[in-house]
Amino acid sequence: MGKIAEYQFIIDASKRELLPSIPIHDHRGYDLIVHGKNKLHKIQVKSTRHVVKVSSHRKGTPHYRVITACGNSQKERYTKDQLDYYAVYIFELNQWFIIPFHAVTSKNIRIYPSKNDHKFSPYREAWHLLK
């Protein structure tokens, strides 16, 4: 699913007249580069397809959980040198969250697409950050 999300990012970024590039090696922490007006942006693409449903006896809002760390067995946080933005794709909604590195402070995040006042709502379809 990760590669599909990366290709979807390339398509969607290109539609917005951004210039995405694929590095030859993907071991540096970022998946793609986007050529902004005066800067190159390192992008780590993350995706999810499964909504976390809240049981009826617990209060809460359904959300999507996204792992924002790297590694197979022991997950480690990315560093500022490795990437500038997370591009989080929610398959079921065909929706992107373009989240600056500094806004992510843990190894996983929760995104609530139905809420307009959660931590990551300002980054919903925030393609302008990459221009």
C-alpha atoms as a PDB file:
ATOM      1  CA  MET A   1       0.000   0.000   0.000  1.00  0.00           C
ATOM      2  CA  GLY A   2       2.952   2.298   0.641  1.00  0.00           C
ATOM      3  CA  LYS A   3       4.061   2.396  -2.990  1.00  0.00           C
ATOM      4  CA  ILE A   4       0.500   2.987  -4.153  1.00  0.00           C
ATOM      5  CA  ALA A   5       0.284   5.987  -1.802  1.00  0.00           C
ATOM      6  CA  GLU A   6       3.603   7.301  -3.127  1.00  0.00           C
ATOM      7  CA  TYR A   7       2.368   7.097  -6.711  1.00  0.00           C
ATOM      8  CA  GLN A   8      -0.914   8.727  -5.719  1.00  0.00           C
ATOM      9  CA  PHE A   9       1.099  11.562  -4.160  1.00  0.00           C
ATOM     10  CA  ILE A  10       3.025  12.002  -7.414  1.00  0.00           C
ATOM     11  CA  ILE A  11      -0.239  12.181  -9.377  1.00  0.00           C
ATOM     12  CA  ASP A  12      -1.934  14.572  -6.949  1.00  0.00           C
ATOM     13  CA  ALA A  13       1.129  16.808  -6.572  1.00  0.00           C
ATOM     14  CA  SER A  14       1.532  16.984 -10.349  1.00  0.00           C
ATOM     15  CA  LYS A  15      -2.113  18.059 -10.715  1.00  0.00           C
ATOM     16  CA  ARG A  16      -1.248  20.989  -8.441  1.00  0.00           C
ATOM     17  CA  GLU A  17       1.713  21.959 -10.609  1.00  0.00           C
ATOM     18  CA  LEU A  18       4.238  20.766  -8.049  1.00  0.00           C
ATOM     19  CA  LEU A  19       7.265  18.879  -9.331  1.00  0.00           C
ATOM     20  CA  PRO A  20       7.741  15.590  -7.463  1.00  0.00           C
ATOM     21  CA  SER A  21      10.886  13.521  -7.944  1.00  0.00           C
ATOM     22  CA  ILE A  22      11.693   9.965  -6.921  1.00  0.00           C
ATOM     23  CA  PRO A  23      15.159   9.357  -5.456  1.00  0.00           C
ATOM     24  CA  ILE A  24      17.099   6.348  -6.706  1.00  0.00           C
ATOM     25  CA  HIS A  25      17.587   5.075  -3.137  1.00  0.00           C
ATOM     26  CA  ASP A  26      14.988   5.367  -0.385  1.00  0.00           C
ATOM     27  CA  HIS A  27      17.199   4.727   2.639  1.00  0.00           C
ATOM     28  CA  ARG A  28      17.643   8.375   3.626  1.00  0.00           C
ATOM     29  CA  GLY A  29      14.300   8.777   5.405  1.00  0.00           C
ATOM     30  CA  TYR A  30      12.300  10.478   2.686  1.00  0.00           C
ATOM     31  CA  ASP A  31      10.356   8.864  -0.129  1.00  0.00           C
ATOM     32  CA  LEU A  32      10.072  11.778  -2.534  1.00  0.00           C
ATOM     33  CA  ILE A  33      11.357  15.267  -3.222  1.00  0.00           C
ATOM     34  CA  VAL A  34       9.039  18.105  -4.187  1.00  0.00           C
ATOM     35  CA  HIS A  35      10.468  21.116  -5.965  1.00  0.00           C
ATOM     36  CA  GLY A  36       8.883  24.159  -4.372  1.00  0.00           C
ATOM     37  CA  LYS A  37       9.341  27.707  -5.621  1.00  0.00           C
ATOM     38  CA  ASN A  38      12.676  28.276  -3.892  1.00  0.00           C
ATOM     39  CA  LYS A  39      13.303  25.059  -2.005  1.00  0.00           C
ATOM     40  CA  LEU A  40      13.361  21.278  -2.258  1.00  0.00           C
ATOM     41  CA  HIS A  41      11.095  19.537   0.258  1.00  0.00           C
ATOM     42  CA  LYS A  42      11.842  16.016   1.525  1.00  0.00           C
ATOM     43  CA  ILE A  43       8.578  14.066   1.814  1.00  0.00           C
ATOM     44  CA  GLN A  44       7.869  10.911   3.800  1.00  0.00           C
ATOM     45  CA  VAL A  45       4.642   9.361   2.522  1.00  0.00           C
ATOM     46  CA  LYS A  46       2.485   7.484   5.022  1.00  0.00           C
ATOM     47  CA  SER A  47      -0.903   5.954   4.412  1.00  0.00           C
ATOM     48  CA  THR A  48      -3.762   4.225   6.129  1.00  0.00           C
ATOM     49  CA  ARG A  49      -6.921   2.456   5.096  1.00  0.00           C
ATOM     50  CA  HIS A  50      -8.525   1.379   8.333  1.00  0.00           C
ATOM     51  CA  VAL A  51     -10.566   3.632  10.532  1.00  0.00           C
ATOM     52  CA  VAL A  52     -10.291   3.011  14.276  1.00  0.00           C
ATOM     53  CA  LYS A  53     -13.873   2.697  15.393  1.00  0.00           C
ATOM     54  CA  VAL A  54     -14.721   3.633  18.938  1.00  0.00           C
ATOM     55  CA  SER A  55     -16.900   1.119  20.767  1.00  0.00           C
ATOM     56  CA  SER A  56     -20.371   2.197  21.828  1.00  0.00           C
ATOM     57  CA  HIS A  57     -19.536   2.125  25.545  1.00  0.00           C
ATOM     58  CA  ARG A  58     -16.570   4.477  25.120  1.00  0.00           C
ATOM     59  CA  LYS A  59     -16.867   8.086  24.151  1.00  0.00           C
ATOM     60  CA  GLY A  60     -14.790   9.287  21.264  1.00  0.00           C
ATOM     61  CA  THR A  61     -14.624   9.921  17.574  1.00  0.00           C
ATOM     62  CA  PRO A  62     -13.564   7.409  14.931  1.00  0.00           C
ATOM     63  CA  HIS A  63     -10.090   8.217  13.643  1.00  0.00           C
ATOM     64  CA  TYR A  64      -7.164   6.933  11.625  1.00  0.00           C
ATOM     65  CA  ARG A  65      -3.924   5.890  13.306  1.00  0.00           C
ATOM     66  CA  VAL A  66      -0.717   6.443  11.356  1.00  0.00           C
ATOM     67  CA  ILE A  67       2.742   5.223  12.327  1.00  0.00           C
ATOM     68  CA  THR A  68       5.177   8.086  11.812  1.00  0.00           C
ATOM     69  CA  ALA A  69       8.334   6.156  12.655  1.00  0.00           C
ATOM     70  CA  CYS A  70      10.728   3.973  10.705  1.00  0.00           C
ATOM     71  CA  GLY A  71      12.265   0.539  11.144  1.00  0.00           C
ATOM     72  CA  ASN A  72      10.962  -2.995  11.055  1.00  0.00           C
ATOM     73  CA  SER A  73      11.098  -4.295  14.613  1.00  0.00           C
ATOM     74  CA  GLN A  74      11.952  -1.337  16.817  1.00  0.00           C
ATOM     75  CA  LYS A  75      10.407   1.844  15.478  1.00  0.00           C
ATOM     76  CA  GLU A  76      12.500   5.003  15.680  1.00  0.00           C
ATOM     77  CA  ARG A  77      11.405   8.569  15.072  1.00  0.00           C
ATOM     78  CA  TYR A  78      12.612  10.296  11.958  1.00  0.00           C
ATOM     79  CA  THR A  79      14.936  13.260  12.400  1.00  0.00           C
ATOM     80  CA  LYS A  80      14.642  16.774  10.988  1.00  0.00           C
ATOM     81  CA  ASP A  81      17.567  15.984   8.677  1.00  0.00           C
ATOM     82  CA  GLN A  82      15.660  13.079   7.143  1.00  0.00           C
ATOM     83  CA  LEU A  83      12.466  14.841   6.086  1.00  0.00           C
ATOM     84  CA  ASP A  84      10.569  18.122   5.969  1.00  0.00           C
ATOM     85  CA  TYR A  85       6.975  16.903   5.652  1.00  0.00           C
ATOM     86  CA  TYR A  86       4.827  13.865   6.196  1.00  0.00           C
ATOM     87  CA  ALA A  87       2.274  13.358   3.441  1.00  0.00           C
ATOM     88  CA  VAL A  88      -0.426  11.176   5.015  1.00  0.00           C
ATOM     89  CA  TYR A  89      -2.934   9.609   2.649  1.00  0.00           C
ATOM     90  CA  ILE A  90      -6.264   8.222   3.820  1.00  0.00           C
ATOM     91  CA  PHE A  91      -7.304   5.778   1.124  1.00  0.00           C
ATOM     92  CA  GLU A  92     -11.024   5.575   1.908  1.00  0.00           C
ATOM     93  CA  LEU A  93     -11.416   9.341   1.828  1.00  0.00           C
ATOM     94  CA  ASN A  94      -8.944  10.057  -0.987  1.00  0.00           C
ATOM     95  CA  GLN A  95      -7.607  12.775   1.283  1.00  0.00           C
ATOM     96  CA  TRP A  96      -4.130  14.085   2.049  1.00  0.00           C
ATOM     97  CA  PHE A  97      -2.699  15.667   5.173  1.00  0.00           C
ATOM     98  CA  ILE A  98       0.540  17.549   4.443  1.00  0.00           C
ATOM     99  CA  ILE A  99       2.079  17.781   7.909  1.00  0.00           C
ATOM    100  CA  PRO A 100       5.328  19.609   8.719  1.00  0.00           C
ATOM    101  CA  PHE A 101       7.929  17.539  10.537  1.00  0.00           C
ATOM    102  CA  HIS A 102       7.821  19.764  13.623  1.00  0.00           C
ATOM    103  CA  ALA A 103       4.077  19.131  14.099  1.00  0.00           C
ATOM    104  CA  VAL A 104       4.633  15.406  14.701  1.00  0.00           C
ATOM    105  CA  THR A 105       6.018  14.720  18.165  1.00  0.00           C
ATOM    106  CA  SER A 106       5.437  10.989  18.551  1.00  0.00           C
ATOM    107  CA  LYS A 107       5.935   7.670  16.765  1.00  0.00           C
ATOM    108  CA  ASN A 108       2.309   7.554  15.751  1.00  0.00           C
ATOM    109  CA  ILE A 109      -0.482  10.042  15.281  1.00  0.00           C
ATOM    110  CA  ARG A 110      -4.246  10.040  15.174  1.00  0.00           C
ATOM    111  CA  ILE A 111      -6.087  11.898  12.452  1.00  0.00           C
ATOM    112  CA  TYR A 112      -9.742  12.822  12.864  1.00  0.00           C
ATOM    113  CA  PRO A 113     -11.001  13.795   9.390  1.00  0.00           C
ATOM    114  CA  SER A 114     -14.504  14.546  10.680  1.00  0.00           C
ATOM    115  CA  LYS A 115     -13.225  17.166  13.130  1.00  0.00           C
ATOM    116  CA  ASN A 116     -12.194  20.628  12.064  1.00  0.00           C
ATOM    117  CA  ASP A 117     -10.547  21.512  15.355  1.00  0.00           C
ATOM    118  CA  HIS A 118      -8.057  18.712  15.931  1.00  0.00           C
ATOM    119  CA  LYS A 119      -4.281  19.125  15.894  1.00  0.00           C
ATOM    120  CA  PHE A 120      -3.813  18.072  12.287  1.00  0.00           C
ATOM    121  CA  SER A 121      -6.908  19.622  10.685  1.00  0.00           C
ATOM    122  CA  PRO A 122      -4.938  22.703   9.461  1.00  0.00           C
ATOM    123  CA  TYR A 123      -2.871  20.327   7.337  1.00  0.00           C
ATOM    124  CA  ARG A 124      -5.798  18.754   5.467  1.00  0.00           C
ATOM    125  CA  GLU A 125      -4.997  19.173   1.752  1.00  0.00           C
ATOM    126  CA  ALA A 126      -2.330  21.755   2.703  1.00  0.00           C
ATOM    127  CA  TRP A 127      -0.526  21.540  -0.633  1.00  0.00           C
ATOM    128  CA  HIS A 128       0.283  25.238  -0.428  1.00  0.00           C
ATOM    129  CA  LEU A 129       2.979  24.399   2.130  1.00  0.00           C
ATOM    130  CA  LEU A 130       4.973  22.709  -0.632  1.00  0.00           C
ATOM    131  CA  LYS A 131       4.863  25.589  -3.118  1.00  0.00           C
END
